[in-house]
Protein backbone atom coordinates (compact mmCIF):
# COMPACT_ATOMS: atom_id res chain seq x y z
CA MET A 1 60.26 53.07 97.48
CA ALA A 2 61.00 56.52 98.93
CA LYS A 3 62.00 56.65 102.56
CA LYS A 4 59.58 58.66 104.66
CA ASN A 5 61.04 61.44 106.81
CA SER A 6 60.78 60.29 110.41
CA LEU A 7 61.54 63.67 112.01
CA PRO A 8 58.57 65.48 113.53
CA LYS A 9 57.15 68.51 111.78
CA THR A 10 58.38 70.86 114.47
CA ILE A 11 60.92 73.64 113.96
CA VAL A 12 62.74 76.31 115.94
CA ILE A 13 63.42 79.25 113.60
CA THR A 14 65.91 81.98 114.51
CA GLY A 15 65.67 85.53 113.17
CA ALA A 16 61.94 85.08 112.66
CA ALA A 17 60.91 88.72 113.12
CA SER A 18 62.22 89.76 109.69
CA GLY A 19 63.91 88.70 106.48
CA ILE A 20 64.55 85.06 105.67
CA GLY A 21 63.44 83.82 109.11
CA LYS A 22 60.09 85.56 108.79
CA HIS A 23 59.63 84.19 105.29
CA LEU A 24 60.45 80.66 106.47
CA VAL A 25 57.79 80.89 109.18
CA GLY A 26 55.20 81.86 106.57
CA VAL A 27 56.16 79.08 104.16
CA LEU A 28 56.54 76.30 106.71
CA VAL A 29 53.39 77.05 108.65
CA LYS A 30 51.46 76.55 105.37
CA LYS A 31 53.11 73.13 105.07
CA GLY A 32 51.74 72.15 108.47
CA TYR A 33 54.80 72.60 110.66
CA GLN A 34 54.56 73.68 114.27
CA ILE A 35 57.03 76.46 114.93
CA VAL A 36 58.78 78.22 117.76
CA ALA A 37 59.77 81.52 116.17
CA THR A 38 62.69 83.28 117.86
CA ASP A 39 64.37 86.66 117.55
CA ILE A 40 66.20 89.20 119.68
CA ASP A 41 63.55 91.82 118.77
CA GLU A 42 60.74 90.55 120.97
CA LYS A 43 58.33 93.37 120.08
CA ALA A 44 58.58 92.80 116.31
CA LEU A 45 58.48 89.03 116.82
CA SER A 46 55.36 89.03 118.97
CA SER A 47 53.62 91.42 116.58
CA PHE A 48 54.39 89.17 113.60
CA VAL A 49 53.40 85.92 115.32
CA GLU A 50 50.18 87.41 116.69
CA SER A 51 49.29 88.68 113.19
CA LEU A 52 49.37 85.07 111.95
CA ASN A 53 46.49 84.28 114.33
CA ILE A 54 47.36 80.60 114.71
CA PRO A 55 48.34 80.31 118.38
CA THR A 56 48.34 76.51 118.41
CA GLN A 57 50.82 76.27 115.53
CA VAL A 58 53.28 79.16 115.98
CA PHE A 59 54.78 80.15 119.31
CA PHE A 60 57.39 82.81 119.97
CA LYS A 61 60.30 83.26 122.34
CA LYS A 62 62.95 85.95 122.58
CA LEU A 63 66.42 84.65 121.70
CA ASP A 64 69.83 86.26 121.54
CA VAL A 65 71.73 83.59 119.57
CA ARG A 66 74.99 84.68 121.23
CA ASN A 67 73.68 83.78 124.69
CA TYR A 68 73.97 80.12 125.75
CA GLU A 69 71.44 80.53 128.57
CA ASN A 70 68.89 81.92 126.07
CA TRP A 71 69.32 78.78 123.96
CA LYS A 72 68.61 76.58 126.98
CA GLU A 73 65.45 78.61 127.69
CA VAL A 74 64.30 78.30 124.07
CA PHE A 75 64.84 74.53 124.02
CA ALA A 76 62.94 74.08 127.29
CA PHE A 77 60.12 76.29 125.97
CA ALA A 78 60.03 74.44 122.63
CA GLU A 79 59.99 71.02 124.26
CA ASP A 80 57.16 72.17 126.52
CA LYS A 81 55.08 73.51 123.60
CA LEU A 82 56.00 71.00 120.88
CA THR A 83 57.31 67.97 122.83
CA THR A 84 60.00 67.13 120.24
CA ILE A 85 62.11 69.44 118.07
CA GLY A 86 62.67 68.17 114.53
CA TYR A 87 64.72 71.01 113.08
CA ILE A 88 66.54 74.20 114.05
CA LEU A 89 66.94 76.87 111.40
């Protein structure tokens, strides 16, 4: 019998305004994941997330991955919106 994944279907995705991160958002949202999409380019990120038109499934937050304080803000935001974080990509 296959073991069922016990992690919640919630993800924080970095670099979500373009490239692989943006693609991952598109793929995983179709699989039913709730996502906090992050990127340093807040304008491009908000434009992309708003274009998805699913405000209860994808949230966005500016993140400079080099900044420890930004990470703390993202985790607090994600826990507020999603309760539990299952994955960080």
